[in-house]
Amino acid sequence: NIENIEFKEQKINEFLDGLKEKLGLSGKKIYHPLRVALFGSKSGPELWKIFILLGKEEVVQRIKFVLEQIKKTSN
């Protein structure tokens, strides 16, 4: 759970690697949507840098918002 990790480079990267494994997806399939949700672009700084720049509260809020929008459009 993203809310439980320490926002440091190594911990963020470990979380993202675990997410890839858990979902069985490539980095691109995870990193691009996350980067768009957080940064507004498919390309840009490394995700861990975006996480640290925005801070945990903002990252969690943006991810929750995107997930809510996905749920609304899938119904």
N, C-alpha and C. Protein backbone atom coordinates (compact mmCIF):
# COMPACT_ATOMS: atom_id res chain seq x y z
N ASN A 1 0.84 -1.18 0.00
CA ASN A 1 0.00 0.00 0.00
C ASN A 1 0.88 1.24 0.00
N ILE A 2 0.64 2.13 -0.92
CA ILE A 2 1.46 3.33 -1.09
C ILE A 2 1.47 4.20 0.17
N GLU A 3 0.38 4.18 0.91
CA GLU A 3 0.29 5.01 2.11
C GLU A 3 1.24 4.55 3.21
N ASN A 4 1.71 3.31 3.12
CA ASN A 4 2.55 2.75 4.18
C ASN A 4 4.04 2.79 3.89
N ILE A 5 4.44 3.29 2.72
CA ILE A 5 5.87 3.28 2.42
C ILE A 5 6.52 4.61 2.79
N GLU A 6 7.80 4.53 3.07
CA GLU A 6 8.60 5.71 3.34
C GLU A 6 8.94 6.35 1.99
N PHE A 7 8.77 7.64 1.88
CA PHE A 7 9.00 8.32 0.60
C PHE A 7 10.48 8.66 0.44
N LYS A 8 11.24 7.63 0.13
CA LYS A 8 12.66 7.73 -0.19
C LYS A 8 12.88 6.92 -1.46
N GLU A 9 13.90 7.29 -2.23
CA GLU A 9 14.13 6.67 -3.54
C GLU A 9 14.05 5.14 -3.50
N GLN A 10 14.82 4.52 -2.64
CA GLN A 10 14.88 3.06 -2.60
C GLN A 10 13.52 2.44 -2.27
N LYS A 11 12.83 3.00 -1.29
CA LYS A 11 11.53 2.44 -0.86
C LYS A 11 10.48 2.60 -1.95
N ILE A 12 10.49 3.74 -2.63
CA ILE A 12 9.53 3.96 -3.73
C ILE A 12 9.80 2.98 -4.85
N ASN A 13 11.07 2.82 -5.22
CA ASN A 13 11.41 1.88 -6.30
C ASN A 13 11.07 0.44 -5.92
N GLU A 14 11.28 0.07 -4.67
CA GLU A 14 10.90 -1.27 -4.21
C GLU A 14 9.38 -1.45 -4.32
N PHE A 15 8.63 -0.43 -3.95
CA PHE A 15 7.17 -0.48 -4.05
C PHE A 15 6.75 -0.67 -5.51
N LEU A 16 7.35 0.11 -6.42
CA LEU A 16 6.99 0.02 -7.84
C LEU A 16 7.37 -1.34 -8.42
N ASP A 17 8.53 -1.86 -8.04
CA ASP A 17 8.94 -3.20 -8.50
C ASP A 17 7.97 -4.26 -8.00
N GLY A 18 7.55 -4.14 -6.75
CA GLY A 18 6.58 -5.08 -6.19
C GLY A 18 5.24 -5.00 -6.89
N LEU A 19 4.86 -3.79 -7.27
CA LEU A 19 3.61 -3.59 -8.00
C LEU A 19 3.67 -4.26 -9.36
N LYS A 20 4.80 -4.12 -10.04
CA LYS A 20 4.98 -4.78 -11.35
C LYS A 20 4.83 -6.29 -11.20
N GLU A 21 5.50 -6.85 -10.21
CA GLU A 21 5.44 -8.30 -9.98
C GLU A 21 4.02 -8.75 -9.64
N LYS A 22 3.40 -8.04 -8.72
CA LYS A 22 2.06 -8.41 -8.26
C LYS A 22 1.06 -8.39 -9.40
N LEU A 23 1.16 -7.38 -10.27
CA LEU A 23 0.21 -7.25 -11.38
C LEU A 23 0.65 -8.00 -12.63
N GLY A 24 1.91 -8.44 -12.65
CA GLY A 24 2.43 -9.15 -13.81
C GLY A 24 2.51 -8.28 -15.05
N LEU A 25 2.84 -7.00 -14.85
CA LEU A 25 2.91 -6.05 -15.95
C LEU A 25 4.32 -5.51 -16.11
N SER A 26 4.60 -5.03 -17.31
CA SER A 26 5.91 -4.41 -17.56
C SER A 26 5.94 -3.02 -16.92
N GLY A 27 7.13 -2.49 -16.82
CA GLY A 27 7.30 -1.15 -16.26
C GLY A 27 6.49 -0.11 -17.01
N LYS A 28 6.54 -0.16 -18.35
CA LYS A 28 5.81 0.82 -19.16
C LYS A 28 4.31 0.81 -18.86
N LYS A 29 3.76 -0.38 -18.67
CA LYS A 29 2.31 -0.49 -18.44
C LYS A 29 1.92 0.08 -17.07
N ILE A 30 2.88 0.20 -16.18
CA ILE A 30 2.60 0.78 -14.87
C ILE A 30 3.10 2.22 -14.79
N TYR A 31 4.31 2.44 -15.25
CA TYR A 31 4.94 3.75 -15.10
C TYR A 31 4.25 4.85 -15.90
N HIS A 32 3.86 4.56 -17.13
CA HIS A 32 3.22 5.60 -17.95
C HIS A 32 1.90 6.09 -17.35
N PRO A 33 0.97 5.18 -17.00
CA PRO A 33 -0.27 5.67 -16.39
C PRO A 33 -0.04 6.41 -15.06
N LEU A 34 0.89 5.91 -14.26
CA LEU A 34 1.19 6.59 -13.00
C LEU A 34 1.76 7.97 -13.25
N ARG A 35 2.67 8.07 -14.20
CA ARG A 35 3.29 9.36 -14.51
C ARG A 35 2.23 10.35 -15.01
N VAL A 36 1.31 9.88 -15.85
CA VAL A 36 0.24 10.75 -16.35
C VAL A 36 -0.64 11.21 -15.18
N ALA A 37 -1.00 10.30 -14.30
CA ALA A 37 -1.85 10.64 -13.16
C ALA A 37 -1.17 11.65 -12.23
N LEU A 38 0.13 11.52 -12.07
CA LEU A 38 0.84 12.37 -11.11
C LEU A 38 1.43 13.62 -11.73
N PHE A 39 1.87 13.52 -12.99
CA PHE A 39 2.68 14.57 -13.61
C PHE A 39 2.00 15.19 -14.83
N GLY A 40 1.00 14.48 -15.39
CA GLY A 40 0.30 14.99 -16.55
C GLY A 40 0.96 14.69 -17.88
N SER A 41 1.95 13.80 -17.88
CA SER A 41 2.68 13.46 -19.10
C SER A 41 3.20 12.03 -19.00
N LYS A 42 3.29 11.35 -20.17
CA LYS A 42 3.84 9.98 -20.16
C LYS A 42 5.36 9.98 -19.97
N SER A 43 5.98 11.10 -20.24
CA SER A 43 7.44 11.17 -20.06
C SER A 43 7.75 12.27 -19.04
N GLY A 44 8.91 12.17 -18.46
CA GLY A 44 9.30 13.16 -17.47
C GLY A 44 10.30 12.56 -16.50
N PRO A 45 10.41 13.17 -15.34
CA PRO A 45 11.36 12.68 -14.34
C PRO A 45 11.03 11.26 -13.89
N GLU A 46 12.02 10.62 -13.30
CA GLU A 46 11.79 9.29 -12.74
C GLU A 46 10.65 9.37 -11.72
N LEU A 47 9.87 8.31 -11.65
CA LEU A 47 8.70 8.32 -10.77
C LEU A 47 9.05 8.62 -9.32
N TRP A 48 10.13 8.06 -8.83
CA TRP A 48 10.47 8.30 -7.43
C TRP A 48 10.69 9.79 -7.17
N LYS A 49 11.21 10.51 -8.16
CA LYS A 49 11.42 11.96 -8.01
C LYS A 49 10.08 12.69 -7.96
N ILE A 50 9.14 12.25 -8.81
CA ILE A 50 7.81 12.86 -8.80
C ILE A 50 7.13 12.61 -7.45
N PHE A 51 7.24 11.39 -6.95
CA PHE A 51 6.65 11.04 -5.65
C PHE A 51 7.19 11.97 -4.57
N ILE A 52 8.50 12.14 -4.52
CA ILE A 52 9.11 12.95 -3.48
C ILE A 52 8.75 14.42 -3.65
N LEU A 53 8.77 14.91 -4.89
CA LEU A 53 8.41 16.31 -5.15
C LEU A 53 6.99 16.63 -4.70
N LEU A 54 6.06 15.76 -5.04
CA LEU A 54 4.66 16.01 -4.71
C LEU A 54 4.35 15.73 -3.24
N GLY A 55 5.04 14.77 -2.67
CA GLY A 55 4.78 14.38 -1.29
C GLY A 55 3.72 13.30 -1.21
N LYS A 56 3.78 12.54 -0.14
CA LYS A 56 2.91 11.37 0.02
C LYS A 56 1.43 11.74 -0.07
N GLU A 57 1.01 12.77 0.63
CA GLU A 57 -0.41 13.12 0.67
C GLU A 57 -0.93 13.43 -0.74
N GLU A 58 -0.19 14.20 -1.51
CA GLU A 58 -0.62 14.57 -2.86
C GLU A 58 -0.61 13.37 -3.80
N VAL A 59 0.41 12.53 -3.70
CA VAL A 59 0.49 11.33 -4.54
C VAL A 59 -0.71 10.43 -4.27
N VAL A 60 -1.00 10.18 -3.02
CA VAL A 60 -2.12 9.32 -2.65
C VAL A 60 -3.43 9.93 -3.15
N GLN A 61 -3.60 11.22 -2.96
CA GLN A 61 -4.82 11.91 -3.40
C GLN A 61 -5.00 11.79 -4.91
N ARG A 62 -3.95 12.01 -5.68
CA ARG A 62 -4.05 11.94 -7.14
C ARG A 62 -4.34 10.52 -7.63
N ILE A 63 -3.70 9.55 -7.02
CA ILE A 63 -3.95 8.16 -7.42
C ILE A 63 -5.39 7.77 -7.09
N LYS A 64 -5.86 8.14 -5.91
CA LYS A 64 -7.25 7.84 -5.54
C LYS A 64 -8.23 8.51 -6.50
N PHE A 65 -7.95 9.75 -6.88
CA PHE A 65 -8.82 10.47 -7.81
C PHE A 65 -8.91 9.73 -9.14
N VAL A 66 -7.77 9.32 -9.67
CA VAL A 66 -7.76 8.61 -10.95
C VAL A 66 -8.52 7.29 -10.85
N LEU A 67 -8.31 6.56 -9.77
CA LEU A 67 -9.02 5.30 -9.58
C LEU A 67 -10.54 5.51 -9.50
N GLU A 68 -10.95 6.59 -8.84
CA GLU A 68 -12.38 6.90 -8.76
C GLU A 68 -12.94 7.21 -10.14
N GLN A 69 -12.18 7.95 -10.95
CA GLN A 69 -12.63 8.28 -12.30
C GLN A 69 -12.75 7.03 -13.16
N ILE A 70 -11.81 6.13 -13.00
CA ILE A 70 -11.86 4.86 -13.76
C ILE A 70 -13.10 4.07 -13.37
N LYS A 71 -13.39 4.00 -12.07
CA LYS A 71 -14.58 3.28 -11.60
C LYS A 71 -15.85 3.89 -12.17
N LYS A 72 -15.93 5.22 -12.19
CA LYS A 72 -17.12 5.91 -12.70
C LYS A 72 -17.33 5.60 -14.18
N THR A 73 -16.26 5.61 -14.95
CA THR A 73 -16.40 5.41 -16.39
C THR A 73 -16.60 3.94 -16.76
N SER A 74 -16.25 3.04 -15.85
CA SER A 74 -16.41 1.62 -16.17
C SER A 74 -17.79 1.09 -15.81
N ASN A 75 -18.60 1.89 -15.14
CA ASN A 75 -19.96 1.46 -14.75
C ASN A 75 -20.96 1.76 -15.83
